[in-house]
Amino acid sequence: MNINIRNHELFFAGFYILSFTMISALAVIFSKKRQLPVSSVLLMLVSTVFLTIIGSQLFTVNITDWLKIISAEDSGVNHGRSAIGGVLFGLVGFLLSV
């Protein structure tokens, strides 16, 4: 079965932002209920989100395409998104901040 969606980049970007916003809001709410320092929670969130974004961008392109991008042969390489890099880097960011 094949489902075609127009402007799928818009949906991806919207849900990408929505997921980070919802998780951040829940983390702040639960930290206030448990009387944890909000500054520590925000630092944890920023480091986790930052590394998640970096990881999701690094692992969307394979090694040979990175070599093409670096050598400026083809700067328009854009493959499907992968969540594994974001999950791994986000986990590292979380563990480093805890």
PDB file of N, CA and C in Angstrom:
ATOM      1  N   MET A   1       0.835  -1.153   0.000  1.00  0.00           N
ATOM      2  CA  MET A   1       0.000   0.000   0.000  1.00  0.00           C
ATOM      3  C   MET A   1       0.901   1.245   0.000  1.00  0.00           C
ATOM      4  N   ASN A   2       0.578   2.200  -0.817  1.00  0.00           N
ATOM      5  CA  ASN A   2       1.362   3.414  -0.943  1.00  0.00           C
ATOM      6  C   ASN A   2       0.452   4.613  -0.694  1.00  0.00           C
ATOM      7  N   ILE A   3       0.837   5.437   0.265  1.00  0.00           N
ATOM      8  CA  ILE A   3       0.060   6.625   0.591  1.00  0.00           C
ATOM      9  C   ILE A   3       0.879   7.843   0.191  1.00  0.00           C
ATOM     10  N   ASN A   4       0.344   8.640  -0.696  1.00  0.00           N
ATOM     11  CA  ASN A   4       1.031   9.853  -1.131  1.00  0.00           C
ATOM     12  C   ASN A   4       0.477  11.056  -0.380  1.00  0.00           C
ATOM     13  N   ILE A   5       1.373  11.825   0.194  1.00  0.00           N
ATOM     14  CA  ILE A   5       0.985  13.014   0.951  1.00  0.00           C
ATOM     15  C   ILE A   5       1.705  14.206   0.360  1.00  0.00           C
ATOM     16  N   ARG A   6       0.948  15.228   0.029  1.00  0.00           N
ATOM     17  CA  ARG A   6       1.568  16.455  -0.451  1.00  0.00           C
ATOM     18  C   ARG A   6       2.187  17.198   0.729  1.00  0.00           C
ATOM     19  N   ASN A   7       3.270  17.878   0.471  1.00  0.00           N
ATOM     20  CA  ASN A   7       3.968  18.670   1.490  1.00  0.00           C
ATOM     21  C   ASN A   7       4.351  17.829   2.707  1.00  0.00           C
ATOM     22  N   HIS A   8       4.891  16.636   2.474  1.00  0.00           N
ATOM     23  CA  HIS A   8       5.273  15.787   3.590  1.00  0.00           C
ATOM     24  C   HIS A   8       6.394  16.410   4.423  1.00  0.00           C
ATOM     25  N   GLU A   9       7.198  17.291   3.830  1.00  0.00           N
ATOM     26  CA  GLU A   9       8.244  17.977   4.598  1.00  0.00           C
ATOM     27  C   GLU A   9       7.621  18.877   5.674  1.00  0.00           C
ATOM     28  N   LEU A  10       6.497  19.492   5.340  1.00  0.00           N
ATOM     29  CA  LEU A  10       5.805  20.351   6.295  1.00  0.00           C
ATOM     30  C   LEU A  10       5.283  19.537   7.478  1.00  0.00           C
ATOM     31  N   PHE A  11       4.726  18.359   7.204  1.00  0.00           N
ATOM     32  CA  PHE A  11       4.237  17.497   8.268  1.00  0.00           C
ATOM     33  C   PHE A  11       5.387  17.019   9.144  1.00  0.00           C
ATOM     34  N   PHE A  12       6.500  16.638   8.501  1.00  0.00           N
ATOM     35  CA  PHE A  12       7.654  16.172   9.264  1.00  0.00           C
ATOM     36  C   PHE A  12       8.156  17.277  10.187  1.00  0.00           C
ATOM     37  N   ALA A  13       8.321  18.477   9.656  1.00  0.00           N
ATOM     38  CA  ALA A  13       8.812  19.600  10.460  1.00  0.00           C
ATOM     39  C   ALA A  13       7.842  19.926  11.594  1.00  0.00           C
ATOM     40  N   GLY A  14       6.553  19.894  11.311  1.00  0.00           N
ATOM     41  CA  GLY A  14       5.555  20.195  12.332  1.00  0.00           C
ATOM     42  C   GLY A  14       5.572  19.196  13.474  1.00  0.00           C
ATOM     43  N   PHE A  15       5.607  17.912  13.148  1.00  0.00           N
ATOM     44  CA  PHE A  15       5.632  16.893  14.194  1.00  0.00           C
ATOM     45  C   PHE A  15       6.980  16.851  14.910  1.00  0.00           C
ATOM     46  N   TYR A  16       8.038  17.210  14.220  1.00  0.00           N
ATOM     47  CA  TYR A  16       9.369  17.302  14.823  1.00  0.00           C
ATOM     48  C   TYR A  16       9.354  18.360  15.920  1.00  0.00           C
ATOM     49  N   ILE A  17       8.834  19.514  15.611  1.00  0.00           N
ATOM     50  CA  ILE A  17       8.750  20.614  16.584  1.00  0.00           C
ATOM     51  C   ILE A  17       7.758  20.270  17.696  1.00  0.00           C
ATOM     52  N   LEU A  18       6.625  19.686  17.328  1.00  0.00           N
ATOM     53  CA  LEU A  18       5.618  19.315  18.318  1.00  0.00           C
ATOM     54  C   LEU A  18       6.162  18.301  19.323  1.00  0.00           C
ATOM     55  N   SER A  19       6.929  17.331  18.857  1.00  0.00           N
ATOM     56  CA  SER A  19       7.456  16.316  19.774  1.00  0.00           C
ATOM     57  C   SER A  19       8.412  16.932  20.787  1.00  0.00           C
ATOM     58  N   PHE A  20       9.316  17.808  20.328  1.00  0.00           N
ATOM     59  CA  PHE A  20      10.238  18.443  21.262  1.00  0.00           C
ATOM     60  C   PHE A  20       9.501  19.376  22.225  1.00  0.00           C
ATOM     61  N   THR A  21       8.509  20.072  21.738  1.00  0.00           N
ATOM     62  CA  THR A  21       7.755  20.996  22.583  1.00  0.00           C
ATOM     63  C   THR A  21       6.988  20.251  23.668  1.00  0.00           C
ATOM     64  N   MET A  22       6.323  19.180  23.301  1.00  0.00           N
ATOM     65  CA  MET A  22       5.530  18.422  24.270  1.00  0.00           C
ATOM     66  C   MET A  22       6.420  17.777  25.332  1.00  0.00           C
ATOM     67  N   ILE A  23       7.519  17.169  24.923  1.00  0.00           N
ATOM     68  CA  ILE A  23       8.409  16.525  25.886  1.00  0.00           C
ATOM     69  C   ILE A  23       9.027  17.565  26.823  1.00  0.00           C
ATOM     70  N   SER A  24       9.413  18.699  26.273  1.00  0.00           N
ATOM     71  CA  SER A  24       9.999  19.759  27.106  1.00  0.00           C
ATOM     72  C   SER A  24       8.978  20.299  28.099  1.00  0.00           C
ATOM     73  N   ALA A  25       7.765  20.520  27.652  1.00  0.00           N
ATOM     74  CA  ALA A  25       6.715  21.025  28.544  1.00  0.00           C
ATOM     75  C   ALA A  25       6.422  20.022  29.656  1.00  0.00           C
ATOM     76  N   LEU A  26       6.327  18.748  29.320  1.00  0.00           N
ATOM     77  CA  LEU A  26       6.075  17.734  30.343  1.00  0.00           C
ATOM     78  C   LEU A  26       7.223  17.639  31.339  1.00  0.00           C
ATOM     79  N   ALA A  27       8.452  17.745  30.860  1.00  0.00           N
ATOM     80  CA  ALA A  27       9.604  17.688  31.760  1.00  0.00           C
ATOM     81  C   ALA A  27       9.596  18.859  32.736  1.00  0.00           C
ATOM     82  N   VAL A  28       9.276  20.042  32.252  1.00  0.00           N
ATOM     83  CA  VAL A  28       9.229  21.211  33.136  1.00  0.00           C
ATOM     84  C   VAL A  28       8.091  21.084  34.138  1.00  0.00           C
ATOM     85  N   ILE A  29       6.936  20.616  33.702  1.00  0.00           N
ATOM     86  CA  ILE A  29       5.781  20.448  34.606  1.00  0.00           C
ATOM     87  C   ILE A  29       6.096  19.435  35.700  1.00  0.00           C
ATOM     88  N   PHE A  30       6.646  18.288  35.320  1.00  0.00           N
ATOM     89  CA  PHE A  30       6.952  17.265  36.319  1.00  0.00           C
ATOM     90  C   PHE A  30       8.078  17.703  37.251  1.00  0.00           C
ATOM     91  N   SER A  31       9.035  18.473  36.746  1.00  0.00           N
ATOM     92  CA  SER A  31      10.115  18.945  37.620  1.00  0.00           C
ATOM     93  C   SER A  31       9.585  19.951  38.637  1.00  0.00           C
ATOM     94  N   LYS A  32       8.626  20.780  38.238  1.00  0.00           N
ATOM     95  CA  LYS A  32       8.029  21.727  39.195  1.00  0.00           C
ATOM     96  C   LYS A  32       7.215  20.991  40.261  1.00  0.00           C
ATOM     97  N   LYS A  33       6.501  19.927  39.852  1.00  0.00           N
ATOM     98  CA  LYS A  33       5.718  19.158  40.815  1.00  0.00           C
ATOM     99  C   LYS A  33       6.616  18.464  41.823  1.00  0.00           C
ATOM    100  N   ARG A  34       7.766  18.014  41.381  1.00  0.00           N
ATOM    101  CA  ARG A  34       8.706  17.316  42.272  1.00  0.00           C
ATOM    102  C   ARG A  34       9.699  18.269  42.920  1.00  0.00           C
ATOM    103  N   GLN A  35       9.536  19.544  42.696  1.00  0.00           N
ATOM    104  CA  GLN A  35      10.358  20.610  43.262  1.00  0.00           C
ATOM    105  C   GLN A  35      11.841  20.445  42.921  1.00  0.00           C
ATOM    106  N   LEU A  36      12.107  20.084  41.692  1.00  0.00           N
ATOM    107  CA  LEU A  36      13.471  20.011  41.186  1.00  0.00           C
ATOM    108  C   LEU A  36      13.863  21.379  40.641  1.00  0.00           C
ATOM    109  N   PRO A  37      15.133  21.712  40.637  1.00  0.00           N
ATOM    110  CA  PRO A  37      15.549  23.003  40.080  1.00  0.00           C
ATOM    111  C   PRO A  37      15.286  23.058  38.574  1.00  0.00           C
ATOM    112  N   VAL A  38      14.512  24.036  38.161  1.00  0.00           N
ATOM    113  CA  VAL A  38      14.116  24.149  36.761  1.00  0.00           C
ATOM    114  C   VAL A  38      15.319  24.412  35.865  1.00  0.00           C
ATOM    115  N   SER A  39      16.312  25.131  36.376  1.00  0.00           N
ATOM    116  CA  SER A  39      17.496  25.412  35.557  1.00  0.00           C
ATOM    117  C   SER A  39      18.232  24.129  35.185  1.00  0.00           C
ATOM    118  N   SER A  40      18.299  23.179  36.094  1.00  0.00           N
ATOM    119  CA  SER A  40      18.943  21.897  35.793  1.00  0.00           C
ATOM    120  C   SER A  40      18.155  21.113  34.745  1.00  0.00           C
ATOM    121  N   VAL A  41      16.856  21.147  34.871  1.00  0.00           N
ATOM    122  CA  VAL A  41      15.998  20.441  33.913  1.00  0.00           C
ATOM    123  C   VAL A  41      16.107  21.088  32.531  1.00  0.00           C
ATOM    124  N   LEU A  42      16.131  22.407  32.487  1.00  0.00           N
ATOM    125  CA  LEU A  42      16.273  23.089  31.195  1.00  0.00           C
ATOM    126  C   LEU A  42      17.623  22.810  30.553  1.00  0.00           C
ATOM    127  N   LEU A  43      18.688  22.737  31.344  1.00  0.00           N
ATOM    128  CA  LEU A  43      20.002  22.386  30.812  1.00  0.00           C
ATOM    129  C   LEU A  43      19.995  20.973  30.246  1.00  0.00           C
ATOM    130  N   MET A  44      19.352  20.056  30.952  1.00  0.00           N
ATOM    131  CA  MET A  44      19.225  18.690  30.466  1.00  0.00           C
ATOM    132  C   MET A  44      18.455  18.655  29.147  1.00  0.00           C
ATOM    133  N   LEU A  45      17.357  19.404  29.076  1.00  0.00           N
ATOM    134  CA  LEU A  45      16.539  19.436  27.865  1.00  0.00           C
ATOM    135  C   LEU A  45      17.300  20.019  26.681  1.00  0.00           C
ATOM    136  N   VAL A  46      18.012  21.111  26.921  1.00  0.00           N
ATOM    137  CA  VAL A  46      18.744  21.751  25.829  1.00  0.00           C
ATOM    138  C   VAL A  46      19.835  20.833  25.293  1.00  0.00           C
ATOM    139  N   SER A  47      20.589  20.199  26.179  1.00  0.00           N
ATOM    140  CA  SER A  47      21.654  19.309  25.706  1.00  0.00           C
ATOM    141  C   SER A  47      21.083  18.087  24.985  1.00  0.00           C
ATOM    142  N   THR A  48      19.995  17.545  25.501  1.00  0.00           N
ATOM    143  CA  THR A  48      19.380  16.378  24.861  1.00  0.00           C
ATOM    144  C   THR A  48      18.803  16.744  23.495  1.00  0.00           C
ATOM    145  N   VAL A  49      18.086  17.848  23.404  1.00  0.00           N
ATOM    146  CA  VAL A  49      17.488  18.268  22.135  1.00  0.00           C
ATOM    147  C   VAL A  49      18.570  18.613  21.121  1.00  0.00           C
ATOM    148  N   PHE A  50      19.600  19.323  21.558  1.00  0.00           N
ATOM    149  CA  PHE A  50      20.683  19.713  20.657  1.00  0.00           C
ATOM    150  C   PHE A  50      21.373  18.488  20.068  1.00  0.00           C
ATOM    151  N   LEU A  51      21.719  17.519  20.907  1.00  0.00           N
ATOM    152  CA  LEU A  51      22.389  16.323  20.396  1.00  0.00           C
ATOM    153  C   LEU A  51      21.438  15.432  19.594  1.00  0.00           C
ATOM    154  N   THR A  52      20.154  15.437  19.924  1.00  0.00           N
ATOM    155  CA  THR A  52      19.190  14.683  19.123  1.00  0.00           C
ATOM    156  C   THR A  52      19.102  15.241  17.707  1.00  0.00           C
ATOM    157  N   ILE A  53      19.058  16.547  17.592  1.00  0.00           N
ATOM    158  CA  ILE A  53      18.997  17.169  16.262  1.00  0.00           C
ATOM    159  C   ILE A  53      20.270  16.891  15.480  1.00  0.00           C
ATOM    160  N   ILE A  54      21.419  17.018  16.132  1.00  0.00           N
ATOM    161  CA  ILE A  54      22.684  16.729  15.448  1.00  0.00           C
ATOM    162  C   ILE A  54      22.727  15.274  14.994  1.00  0.00           C
ATOM    163  N   GLY A  55      22.343  14.353  15.878  1.00  0.00           N
ATOM    164  CA  GLY A  55      22.370  12.934  15.528  1.00  0.00           C
ATOM    165  C   GLY A  55      21.410  12.588  14.411  1.00  0.00           C
ATOM    166  N   SER A  56      20.241  13.194  14.412  1.00  0.00           N
ATOM    167  CA  SER A  56      19.273  12.888  13.352  1.00  0.00           C
ATOM    168  C   SER A  56      19.738  13.440  12.007  1.00  0.00           C
ATOM    169  N   GLN A  57      20.500  14.530  12.029  1.00  0.00           N
ATOM    170  CA  GLN A  57      21.004  15.087  10.771  1.00  0.00           C
ATOM    171  C   GLN A  57      22.232  14.335  10.270  1.00  0.00           C
ATOM    172  N   LEU A  58      23.085  13.873  11.173  1.00  0.00           N
ATOM    173  CA  LEU A  58      24.292  13.160  10.753  1.00  0.00           C
ATOM    174  C   LEU A  58      23.981  11.819  10.105  1.00  0.00           C
ATOM    175  N   PHE A  59      22.984  11.127  10.613  1.00  0.00           N
ATOM    176  CA  PHE A  59      22.693   9.787  10.131  1.00  0.00           C
ATOM    177  C   PHE A  59      21.648   9.735   9.022  1.00  0.00           C
ATOM    178  N   THR A  60      21.277  10.869   8.449  1.00  0.00           N
ATOM    179  CA  THR A  60      20.343  10.829   7.324  1.00  0.00           C
ATOM    180  C   THR A  60      21.065  10.614   6.010  1.00  0.00           C
ATOM    181  N   VAL A  61      22.365  10.816   6.010  1.00  0.00           N
ATOM    182  CA  VAL A  61      23.162  10.697   4.790  1.00  0.00           C
ATOM    183  C   VAL A  61      24.238   9.645   5.033  1.00  0.00           C
ATOM    184  N   ASN A  62      24.419   8.728   4.076  1.00  0.00           N
ATOM    185  CA  ASN A  62      25.445   7.707   4.270  1.00  0.00           C
ATOM    186  C   ASN A  62      26.843   8.263   3.982  1.00  0.00           C
ATOM    187  N   ILE A  63      27.854   7.461   4.238  1.00  0.00           N
ATOM    188  CA  ILE A  63      29.247   7.920   4.170  1.00  0.00           C
ATOM    189  C   ILE A  63      29.637   8.399   2.777  1.00  0.00           C
ATOM    190  N   THR A  64      29.265   7.674   1.738  1.00  0.00           N
ATOM    191  CA  THR A  64      29.659   8.088   0.378  1.00  0.00           C
ATOM    192  C   THR A  64      29.019   9.414  -0.009  1.00  0.00           C
ATOM    193  N   ASP A  65      27.794   9.628   0.437  1.00  0.00           N
ATOM    194  CA  ASP A  65      27.148  10.912   0.154  1.00  0.00           C
ATOM    195  C   ASP A  65      27.777  12.046   0.955  1.00  0.00           C
ATOM    196  N   TRP A  66      28.261  11.751   2.192  1.00  0.00           N
ATOM    197  CA  TRP A  66      28.977  12.776   2.962  1.00  0.00           C
ATOM    198  C   TRP A  66      30.247  13.188   2.230  1.00  0.00           C
ATOM    199  N   LEU A  67      30.929  12.207   1.625  1.00  0.00           N
ATOM    200  CA  LEU A  67      32.146  12.539   0.869  1.00  0.00           C
ATOM    201  C   LEU A  67      31.818  13.426  -0.328  1.00  0.00           C
ATOM    202  N   LYS A  68      30.685  13.187  -0.965  1.00  0.00           N
ATOM    203  CA  LYS A  68      30.263  14.040  -2.081  1.00  0.00           C
ATOM    204  C   LYS A  68      29.923  15.450  -1.594  1.00  0.00           C
ATOM    205  N   ILE A  69      29.280  15.539  -0.448  1.00  0.00           N
ATOM    206  CA  ILE A  69      28.926  16.849   0.096  1.00  0.00           C
ATOM    207  C   ILE A  69      30.183  17.622   0.471  1.00  0.00           C
ATOM    208  N   ILE A  70      31.138  16.937   1.107  1.00  0.00           N
ATOM    209  CA  ILE A  70      32.367  17.601   1.530  1.00  0.00           C
ATOM    210  C   ILE A  70      33.180  18.066   0.329  1.00  0.00           C
ATOM    211  N   SER A  71      33.213  17.248  -0.718  1.00  0.00           N
ATOM    212  CA  SER A  71      33.983  17.634  -1.898  1.00  0.00           C
ATOM    213  C   SER A  71      33.202  18.585  -2.806  1.00  0.00           C
ATOM    214  N   ALA A  72      32.000  18.966  -2.412  1.00  0.00           N
ATOM    215  CA  ALA A  72      31.149  19.936  -3.120  1.00  0.00           C
ATOM    216  C   ALA A  72      30.727  19.452  -4.502  1.00  0.00           C
ATOM    217  N   GLU A  73      30.731  18.128  -4.708  1.00  0.00           N
ATOM    218  CA  GLU A  73      30.234  17.603  -5.979  1.00  0.00           C
ATOM    219  C   GLU A  73      28.712  17.705  -6.041  1.00  0.00           C
ATOM    220  N   ASP A  74      28.074  17.405  -4.916  1.00  0.00           N
ATOM    221  CA  ASP A  74      26.608  17.404  -4.890  1.00  0.00           C
ATOM    222  C   ASP A  74      26.151  17.857  -3.515  1.00  0.00           C
ATOM    223  N   SER A  75      25.657  19.057  -3.430  1.00  0.00           N
ATOM    224  CA  SER A  75      25.186  19.553  -2.140  1.00  0.00           C
ATOM    225  C   SER A  75      23.695  19.296  -1.951  1.00  0.00           C
ATOM    226  N   GLY A  76      23.031  18.727  -2.921  1.00  0.00           N
ATOM    227  CA  GLY A  76      21.591  18.510  -2.837  1.00  0.00           C
ATOM    228  C   GLY A  76      21.207  17.108  -2.423  1.00  0.00           C
ATOM    229  N   VAL A  77      22.110  16.377  -1.790  1.00  0.00           N
ATOM    230  CA  VAL A  77      21.811  15.015  -1.365  1.00  0.00           C
ATOM    231  C   VAL A  77      20.848  15.084  -0.192  1.00  0.00           C
ATOM    232  N   ASN A  78      19.720  14.422  -0.348  1.00  0.00           N
ATOM    233  CA  ASN A  78      18.726  14.426   0.716  1.00  0.00           C
ATOM    234  C   ASN A  78      17.987  13.099   0.689  1.00  0.00           C
ATOM    235  N   HIS A  79      18.303  12.246   1.634  1.00  0.00           N
ATOM    236  CA  HIS A  79      17.653  10.942   1.722  1.00  0.00           C
ATOM    237  C   HIS A  79      16.593  10.973   2.814  1.00  0.00           C
ATOM    238  N   GLY A  80      15.926   9.864   3.008  1.00  0.00           N
ATOM    239  CA  GLY A  80      14.910   9.779   4.042  1.00  0.00           C
ATOM    240  C   GLY A  80      15.501   9.963   5.430  1.00  0.00           C
ATOM    241  N   ARG A  81      14.676  10.391   6.343  1.00  0.00           N
ATOM    242  CA  ARG A  81      15.120  10.648   7.705  1.00  0.00           C
ATOM    243  C   ARG A  81      15.290   9.336   8.458  1.00  0.00           C
ATOM    244  N   SER A  82      16.212   9.331   9.388  1.00  0.00           N
ATOM    245  CA  SER A  82      16.440   8.173  10.228  1.00  0.00           C
ATOM    246  C   SER A  82      16.378   8.604  11.680  1.00  0.00           C
ATOM    247  N   ALA A  83      15.712   7.835  12.482  1.00  0.00           N
ATOM    248  CA  ALA A  83      15.564   8.194  13.889  1.00  0.00           C
ATOM    249  C   ALA A  83      16.681   7.624  14.751  1.00  0.00           C
ATOM    250  N   ILE A  84      17.434   6.667  14.230  1.00  0.00           N
ATOM    251  CA  ILE A  84      18.429   5.992  15.062  1.00  0.00           C
ATOM    252  C   ILE A  84      19.520   6.954  15.527  1.00  0.00           C
ATOM    253  N   GLY A  85      19.983   7.836  14.667  1.00  0.00           N
ATOM    254  CA  GLY A  85      21.003   8.804  15.071  1.00  0.00           C
ATOM    255  C   GLY A  85      20.487   9.757  16.119  1.00  0.00           C
ATOM    256  N   GLY A  86      19.255  10.206  15.953  1.00  0.00           N
ATOM    257  CA  GLY A  86      18.658  11.100  16.935  1.00  0.00           C
ATOM    258  C   GLY A  86      18.476  10.433  18.283  1.00  0.00           C
ATOM    259  N   VAL A  87      18.064   9.182  18.273  1.00  0.00           N
ATOM    260  CA  VAL A  87      17.866   8.452  19.520  1.00  0.00           C
ATOM    261  C   VAL A  87      19.203   8.243  20.231  1.00  0.00           C
ATOM    262  N   LEU A  88      20.215   7.811  19.484  1.00  0.00           N
ATOM    263  CA  LEU A  88      21.521   7.551  20.098  1.00  0.00           C
ATOM    264  C   LEU A  88      22.162   8.828  20.643  1.00  0.00           C
ATOM    265  N   PHE A  89      22.202   9.878  19.842  1.00  0.00           N
ATOM    266  CA  PHE A  89      22.804  11.127  20.289  1.00  0.00           C
ATOM    267  C   PHE A  89      21.974  11.772  21.400  1.00  0.00           C
ATOM    268  N   GLY A  90      20.660  11.675  21.328  1.00  0.00           N
ATOM    269  CA  GLY A  90      19.806  12.206  22.383  1.00  0.00           C
ATOM    270  C   GLY A  90      20.036  11.486  23.704  1.00  0.00           C
ATOM    271  N   LEU A  91      20.215  10.181  23.631  1.00  0.00           N
ATOM    272  CA  LEU A  91      20.498   9.400  24.834  1.00  0.00           C
ATOM    273  C   LEU A  91      21.845   9.802  25.432  1.00  0.00           C
ATOM    274  N   VAL A  92      22.840  10.010  24.575  1.00  0.00           N
ATOM    275  CA  VAL A  92      24.149  10.458  25.054  1.00  0.00           C
ATOM    276  C   VAL A  92      24.022  11.836  25.715  1.00  0.00           C
ATOM    277  N   GLY A  93      23.276  12.744  25.091  1.00  0.00           N
ATOM    278  CA  GLY A  93      23.069  14.066  25.674  1.00  0.00           C
ATOM    279  C   GLY A  93      22.382  14.002  27.023  1.00  0.00           C
ATOM    280  N   PHE A  94      21.390  13.118  27.131  1.00  0.00           N
ATOM    281  CA  PHE A  94      20.684  12.949  28.392  1.00  0.00           C
ATOM    282  C   PHE A  94      21.599  12.384  29.472  1.00  0.00           C
ATOM    283  N   LEU A  95      22.360  11.368  29.114  1.00  0.00           N
ATOM    284  CA  LEU A  95      23.256  10.733  30.103  1.00  0.00           C
ATOM    285  C   LEU A  95      24.369  11.690  30.534  1.00  0.00           C
ATOM    286  N   LEU A  96      24.860  12.516  29.628  1.00  0.00           N
ATOM    287  CA  LEU A  96      25.879  13.480  29.995  1.00  0.00           C
ATOM    288  C   LEU A  96      25.345  14.579  30.919  1.00  0.00           C
ATOM    289  N   SER A  97      24.073  14.891  30.790  1.00  0.00           N
ATOM    290  CA  SER A  97      23.506  15.968  31.598  1.00  0.00           C
ATOM    291  C   SER A  97      22.977  15.490  32.940  1.00  0.00           C
ATOM    292  N   VAL A  98      22.820  14.210  33.108  1.00  0.00           N
ATOM    293  CA  VAL A  98      22.289  13.675  34.379  1.00  0.00           C
ATOM    294  C   VAL A  98      23.395  13.492  35.327  1.00  0.00           C
TER     295      VAL A  98
END
